[in-house]
Amino acid sequence: QVAALSWGYDLENTYPPSIYRYDYVLAADVVYHHAFLDELLVTMKHFCKPGTTLIWANRVRIESDLVFTDNFHKAFHSSLLLEDGEMKIYTATSREGEDVDKNKLNRIKA
């Protein structure tokens, strides 16, 4: 299925997580509408639930790309797979549910 995707717009209704689950999400050269990078991160987090691996390829063009990359690393468990000049490829997994898991562990220890 091919469908239009507006970053951050009505994702819960258009792509409800209870129906749409992915093993892999590939994002290549998607950091270009610099006014919408927060929405891009929201969209990545929406589609990358626990059990999903995100593969993101990016070429740094301007300073705001670096801010987005920092926010990406904060939002996901990520590692650099390949670096070739300005081109970088990352793999990432969700951090969703970590606080809940830590709270459960603390209750078990108590």
N, C-alpha and C. Protein backbone atom coordinates (compact mmCIF):
# COMPACT_ATOMS: atom_id res chain seq x y z
N GLN A 1 0.84 -1.17 0.00
CA GLN A 1 0.00 0.00 0.00
C GLN A 1 0.89 1.24 0.00
N VAL A 2 0.58 2.17 -0.86
CA VAL A 2 1.28 3.45 -0.93
C VAL A 2 0.29 4.52 -0.50
N ALA A 3 0.73 5.40 0.39
CA ALA A 3 -0.15 6.46 0.87
C ALA A 3 0.68 7.69 1.19
N ALA A 4 0.03 8.85 1.07
CA ALA A 4 0.69 10.10 1.43
C ALA A 4 0.92 10.13 2.94
N LEU A 5 2.00 10.75 3.34
CA LEU A 5 2.31 10.87 4.76
C LEU A 5 2.75 12.29 5.06
N SER A 6 1.96 12.98 5.85
CA SER A 6 2.33 14.32 6.32
C SER A 6 2.92 14.15 7.71
N TRP A 7 4.15 14.59 7.89
CA TRP A 7 4.85 14.39 9.14
C TRP A 7 4.07 14.97 10.31
N GLY A 8 3.82 14.16 11.30
CA GLY A 8 3.20 14.60 12.53
C GLY A 8 1.71 14.89 12.46
N TYR A 9 1.08 14.74 11.30
CA TYR A 9 -0.32 15.13 11.14
C TYR A 9 -1.26 13.93 11.28
N ASP A 10 -2.10 13.93 12.30
CA ASP A 10 -3.18 12.95 12.47
C ASP A 10 -2.69 11.50 12.39
N LEU A 11 -1.51 11.24 12.92
CA LEU A 11 -0.93 9.89 12.81
C LEU A 11 -1.73 8.84 13.56
N GLU A 12 -2.23 9.18 14.74
CA GLU A 12 -2.98 8.21 15.55
C GLU A 12 -4.22 7.71 14.83
N ASN A 13 -4.89 8.59 14.09
CA ASN A 13 -6.10 8.19 13.36
C ASN A 13 -5.79 7.56 12.02
N THR A 14 -4.81 8.10 11.31
CA THR A 14 -4.49 7.60 9.97
C THR A 14 -3.73 6.28 10.03
N TYR A 15 -2.81 6.16 10.97
CA TYR A 15 -1.99 4.95 11.13
C TYR A 15 -2.02 4.50 12.59
N PRO A 16 -3.17 3.99 13.06
CA PRO A 16 -3.25 3.59 14.47
C PRO A 16 -2.26 2.48 14.80
N PRO A 17 -1.51 2.62 15.89
CA PRO A 17 -0.50 1.62 16.26
C PRO A 17 -1.08 0.23 16.48
N SER A 18 -2.35 0.15 16.83
CA SER A 18 -2.96 -1.17 17.04
C SER A 18 -3.09 -1.95 15.74
N ILE A 19 -3.08 -1.26 14.61
CA ILE A 19 -3.22 -1.91 13.29
C ILE A 19 -1.89 -1.94 12.55
N TYR A 20 -1.17 -0.83 12.59
CA TYR A 20 0.06 -0.70 11.81
C TYR A 20 1.28 -0.96 12.70
N ARG A 21 1.91 -2.10 12.50
CA ARG A 21 3.14 -2.48 13.22
C ARG A 21 4.19 -2.82 12.16
N TYR A 22 5.41 -2.40 12.38
CA TYR A 22 6.46 -2.60 11.39
C TYR A 22 7.69 -3.25 12.03
N ASP A 23 8.31 -4.15 11.29
CA ASP A 23 9.59 -4.71 11.72
C ASP A 23 10.72 -3.72 11.44
N TYR A 24 10.64 -3.08 10.26
CA TYR A 24 11.67 -2.12 9.84
C TYR A 24 11.00 -0.88 9.28
N VAL A 25 11.63 0.27 9.53
CA VAL A 25 11.25 1.52 8.91
C VAL A 25 12.53 2.08 8.30
N LEU A 26 12.48 2.42 7.03
CA LEU A 26 13.63 2.98 6.33
C LEU A 26 13.35 4.45 6.04
N ALA A 27 14.25 5.31 6.49
CA ALA A 27 14.13 6.75 6.25
C ALA A 27 15.42 7.21 5.59
N ALA A 28 15.34 7.60 4.34
CA ALA A 28 16.53 8.01 3.60
C ALA A 28 16.35 9.43 3.07
N ASP A 29 17.29 10.29 3.42
CA ASP A 29 17.31 11.67 2.95
C ASP A 29 15.99 12.39 3.24
N VAL A 30 15.52 12.29 4.49
CA VAL A 30 14.24 12.90 4.86
C VAL A 30 14.40 14.21 5.63
N VAL A 31 15.61 14.60 5.95
CA VAL A 31 15.83 15.84 6.71
C VAL A 31 16.07 16.97 5.70
N TYR A 32 14.95 17.56 5.24
CA TYR A 32 15.09 18.64 4.26
C TYR A 32 14.11 19.78 4.50
N HIS A 33 12.93 19.53 5.05
CA HIS A 33 12.00 20.62 5.41
C HIS A 33 12.33 21.04 6.83
N HIS A 34 13.27 21.94 6.96
CA HIS A 34 13.82 22.25 8.27
C HIS A 34 12.82 22.88 9.23
N ALA A 35 11.73 23.42 8.73
CA ALA A 35 10.69 23.96 9.60
C ALA A 35 9.84 22.86 10.22
N PHE A 36 10.00 21.63 9.74
CA PHE A 36 9.16 20.51 10.19
C PHE A 36 9.95 19.37 10.83
N LEU A 37 11.13 19.64 11.34
CA LEU A 37 11.94 18.57 11.90
C LEU A 37 11.35 17.99 13.19
N ASP A 38 10.68 18.82 13.98
CA ASP A 38 10.01 18.27 15.17
C ASP A 38 8.93 17.28 14.76
N GLU A 39 8.19 17.61 13.70
CA GLU A 39 7.14 16.72 13.20
C GLU A 39 7.74 15.44 12.64
N LEU A 40 8.90 15.55 12.01
CA LEU A 40 9.58 14.35 11.49
C LEU A 40 9.93 13.42 12.65
N LEU A 41 10.46 13.96 13.73
CA LEU A 41 10.82 13.12 14.88
C LEU A 41 9.57 12.48 15.50
N VAL A 42 8.49 13.22 15.60
CA VAL A 42 7.22 12.66 16.10
C VAL A 42 6.78 11.51 15.21
N THR A 43 6.91 11.67 13.90
CA THR A 43 6.51 10.63 12.95
C THR A 43 7.40 9.40 13.08
N MET A 44 8.70 9.60 13.21
CA MET A 44 9.61 8.47 13.40
C MET A 44 9.24 7.69 14.66
N LYS A 45 8.97 8.42 15.75
CA LYS A 45 8.62 7.77 17.01
C LYS A 45 7.28 7.04 16.90
N HIS A 46 6.35 7.59 16.14
CA HIS A 46 5.04 6.96 15.98
C HIS A 46 5.17 5.59 15.29
N PHE A 47 5.98 5.52 14.26
CA PHE A 47 6.10 4.29 13.49
C PHE A 47 7.11 3.30 14.09
N CYS A 48 7.98 3.76 14.95
CA CYS A 48 9.03 2.90 15.52
C CYS A 48 8.69 2.55 16.95
N LYS A 49 7.86 1.58 17.12
CA LYS A 49 7.45 1.10 18.44
C LYS A 49 8.42 0.00 18.87
N PRO A 50 8.33 -0.46 20.13
CA PRO A 50 9.20 -1.57 20.54
C PRO A 50 9.07 -2.75 19.57
N GLY A 51 10.21 -3.26 19.14
CA GLY A 51 10.23 -4.35 18.16
C GLY A 51 10.50 -3.88 16.75
N THR A 52 10.49 -2.57 16.53
CA THR A 52 10.77 -2.00 15.21
C THR A 52 12.21 -1.52 15.17
N THR A 53 12.88 -1.75 14.04
CA THR A 53 14.21 -1.20 13.81
C THR A 53 14.10 -0.11 12.75
N LEU A 54 14.61 1.05 13.08
CA LEU A 54 14.64 2.18 12.15
C LEU A 54 16.03 2.24 11.54
N ILE A 55 16.09 2.35 10.23
CA ILE A 55 17.35 2.58 9.52
C ILE A 55 17.23 3.95 8.88
N TRP A 56 18.13 4.86 9.28
CA TRP A 56 18.04 6.24 8.82
C TRP A 56 19.35 6.63 8.15
N ALA A 57 19.25 7.06 6.89
CA ALA A 57 20.41 7.55 6.13
C ALA A 57 20.26 9.05 5.97
N ASN A 58 21.33 9.78 6.25
CA ASN A 58 21.25 11.23 6.20
C ASN A 58 22.59 11.84 5.82
N ARG A 59 22.50 12.93 5.07
CA ARG A 59 23.68 13.73 4.76
C ARG A 59 23.48 15.09 5.41
N VAL A 60 24.41 15.47 6.27
CA VAL A 60 24.32 16.76 6.97
C VAL A 60 24.52 17.88 5.96
N ARG A 61 23.56 18.81 5.95
CA ARG A 61 23.63 19.93 5.02
C ARG A 61 23.84 21.26 5.75
N ILE A 62 23.07 21.46 6.82
CA ILE A 62 23.18 22.72 7.55
C ILE A 62 23.14 22.44 9.05
N GLU A 63 23.41 23.47 9.83
CA GLU A 63 23.52 23.34 11.29
C GLU A 63 22.30 22.70 11.95
N SER A 64 21.09 23.03 11.48
CA SER A 64 19.90 22.47 12.13
C SER A 64 19.82 20.96 11.96
N ASP A 65 20.51 20.41 10.95
CA ASP A 65 20.59 18.95 10.82
C ASP A 65 21.25 18.33 12.05
N LEU A 66 22.25 19.02 12.59
CA LEU A 66 22.97 18.51 13.77
C LEU A 66 22.08 18.53 15.00
N VAL A 67 21.24 19.55 15.13
CA VAL A 67 20.29 19.62 16.25
C VAL A 67 19.30 18.46 16.13
N PHE A 68 18.80 18.23 14.92
CA PHE A 68 17.88 17.11 14.72
C PHE A 68 18.56 15.79 15.06
N THR A 69 19.80 15.62 14.64
CA THR A 69 20.53 14.39 14.93
C THR A 69 20.68 14.19 16.44
N ASP A 70 20.98 15.25 17.17
CA ASP A 70 21.05 15.14 18.64
C ASP A 70 19.71 14.72 19.24
N ASN A 71 18.63 15.31 18.76
CA ASN A 71 17.30 14.95 19.24
C ASN A 71 16.95 13.51 18.88
N PHE A 72 17.38 13.07 17.72
CA PHE A 72 17.17 11.68 17.28
C PHE A 72 17.85 10.72 18.26
N HIS A 73 19.09 11.02 18.63
CA HIS A 73 19.83 10.16 19.56
C HIS A 73 19.18 10.14 20.95
N LYS A 74 18.57 11.24 21.36
CA LYS A 74 17.87 11.28 22.65
C LYS A 74 16.58 10.47 22.60
N ALA A 75 15.93 10.43 21.44
CA ALA A 75 14.63 9.77 21.31
C ALA A 75 14.74 8.27 21.09
N PHE A 76 15.88 7.79 20.58
CA PHE A 76 16.04 6.39 20.22
C PHE A 76 17.35 5.83 20.78
N HIS A 77 17.39 4.52 20.95
CA HIS A 77 18.66 3.82 21.12
C HIS A 77 19.23 3.76 19.71
N SER A 78 20.36 4.38 19.48
CA SER A 78 20.87 4.46 18.12
C SER A 78 22.36 4.14 18.07
N SER A 79 22.77 3.68 16.89
CA SER A 79 24.19 3.46 16.66
C SER A 79 24.50 3.76 15.21
N LEU A 80 25.70 4.23 14.99
CA LEU A 80 26.17 4.56 13.65
C LEU A 80 26.59 3.28 12.94
N LEU A 81 25.96 2.99 11.81
CA LEU A 81 26.32 1.81 11.03
C LEU A 81 27.43 2.09 10.04
N LEU A 82 27.34 3.27 9.39
CA LEU A 82 28.28 3.59 8.32
C LEU A 82 28.43 5.10 8.22
N GLU A 83 29.65 5.54 8.00
CA GLU A 83 29.92 6.95 7.77
C GLU A 83 30.80 7.06 6.54
N ASP A 84 30.35 7.88 5.59
CA ASP A 84 31.10 8.10 4.36
C ASP A 84 31.05 9.60 4.06
N GLY A 85 32.06 10.32 4.53
CA GLY A 85 32.04 11.77 4.38
C GLY A 85 30.91 12.35 5.21
N GLU A 86 30.03 13.13 4.55
CA GLU A 86 28.89 13.73 5.24
C GLU A 86 27.71 12.77 5.37
N MET A 87 27.75 11.64 4.68
CA MET A 87 26.66 10.67 4.72
C MET A 87 26.84 9.74 5.92
N LYS A 88 25.76 9.60 6.70
CA LYS A 88 25.78 8.70 7.85
C LYS A 88 24.53 7.84 7.81
N ILE A 89 24.70 6.57 8.19
CA ILE A 89 23.57 5.65 8.29
C ILE A 89 23.52 5.14 9.72
N TYR A 90 22.35 5.31 10.33
CA TYR A 90 22.13 4.89 11.71
C TYR A 90 21.10 3.77 11.76
N THR A 91 21.20 2.96 12.79
CA THR A 91 20.13 2.04 13.14
C THR A 91 19.64 2.46 14.51
N ALA A 92 18.33 2.31 14.73
CA ALA A 92 17.76 2.78 15.98
C ALA A 92 16.57 1.93 16.39
N THR A 93 16.35 1.88 17.70
CA THR A 93 15.17 1.21 18.24
C THR A 93 14.52 2.12 19.27
N SER A 94 13.28 1.82 19.57
CA SER A 94 12.46 2.65 20.44
C SER A 94 12.96 2.68 21.88
N ARG A 95 12.78 3.82 22.52
CA ARG A 95 13.01 3.95 23.96
C ARG A 95 11.67 3.87 24.70
N GLU A 96 10.58 3.72 23.96
CA GLU A 96 9.23 3.71 24.54
C GLU A 96 9.10 2.61 25.59
N GLY A 97 8.49 2.96 26.69
CA GLY A 97 8.25 1.98 27.74
C GLY A 97 9.39 1.81 28.73
N GLU A 98 10.50 2.51 28.54
CA GLU A 98 11.65 2.34 29.44
C GLU A 98 11.31 2.76 30.87
N ASP A 99 10.62 3.88 31.05
CA ASP A 99 10.29 4.34 32.39
C ASP A 99 9.38 3.34 33.09
N VAL A 100 8.44 2.77 32.35
CA VAL A 100 7.54 1.77 32.93
C VAL A 100 8.34 0.55 33.36
N ASP A 101 9.26 0.09 32.50
CA ASP A 101 10.08 -1.07 32.84
C ASP A 101 10.95 -0.80 34.06
N LYS A 102 11.52 0.39 34.17
CA LYS A 102 12.35 0.73 35.33
C LYS A 102 11.50 0.74 36.60
N ASN A 103 10.28 1.28 36.51
CA ASN A 103 9.40 1.32 37.67
C ASN A 103 9.03 -0.09 38.12
N LYS A 104 8.76 -0.99 37.18
CA LYS A 104 8.45 -2.38 37.53
C LYS A 104 9.64 -3.03 38.22
N LEU A 105 10.84 -2.80 37.69
CA LEU A 105 12.04 -3.38 38.27
C LEU A 105 12.27 -2.86 39.69
N ASN A 106 12.06 -1.57 39.90
CA ASN A 106 12.23 -1.00 41.24
C ASN A 106 11.24 -1.59 42.23
N ARG A 107 9.99 -1.84 41.80
CA ARG A 107 9.00 -2.45 42.69
C ARG A 107 9.38 -3.88 43.02
N ILE A 108 9.92 -4.60 42.05
CA ILE A 108 10.34 -5.99 42.28
C ILE A 108 11.48 -6.03 43.29
N LYS A 109 12.44 -5.10 43.17
CA LYS A 109 13.59 -5.06 44.07
C LYS A 109 13.19 -4.70 45.50
N ALA A 110 12.11 -3.91 45.64
CA ALA A 110 11.68 -3.43 46.97
C ALA A 110 11.03 -4.47 47.78
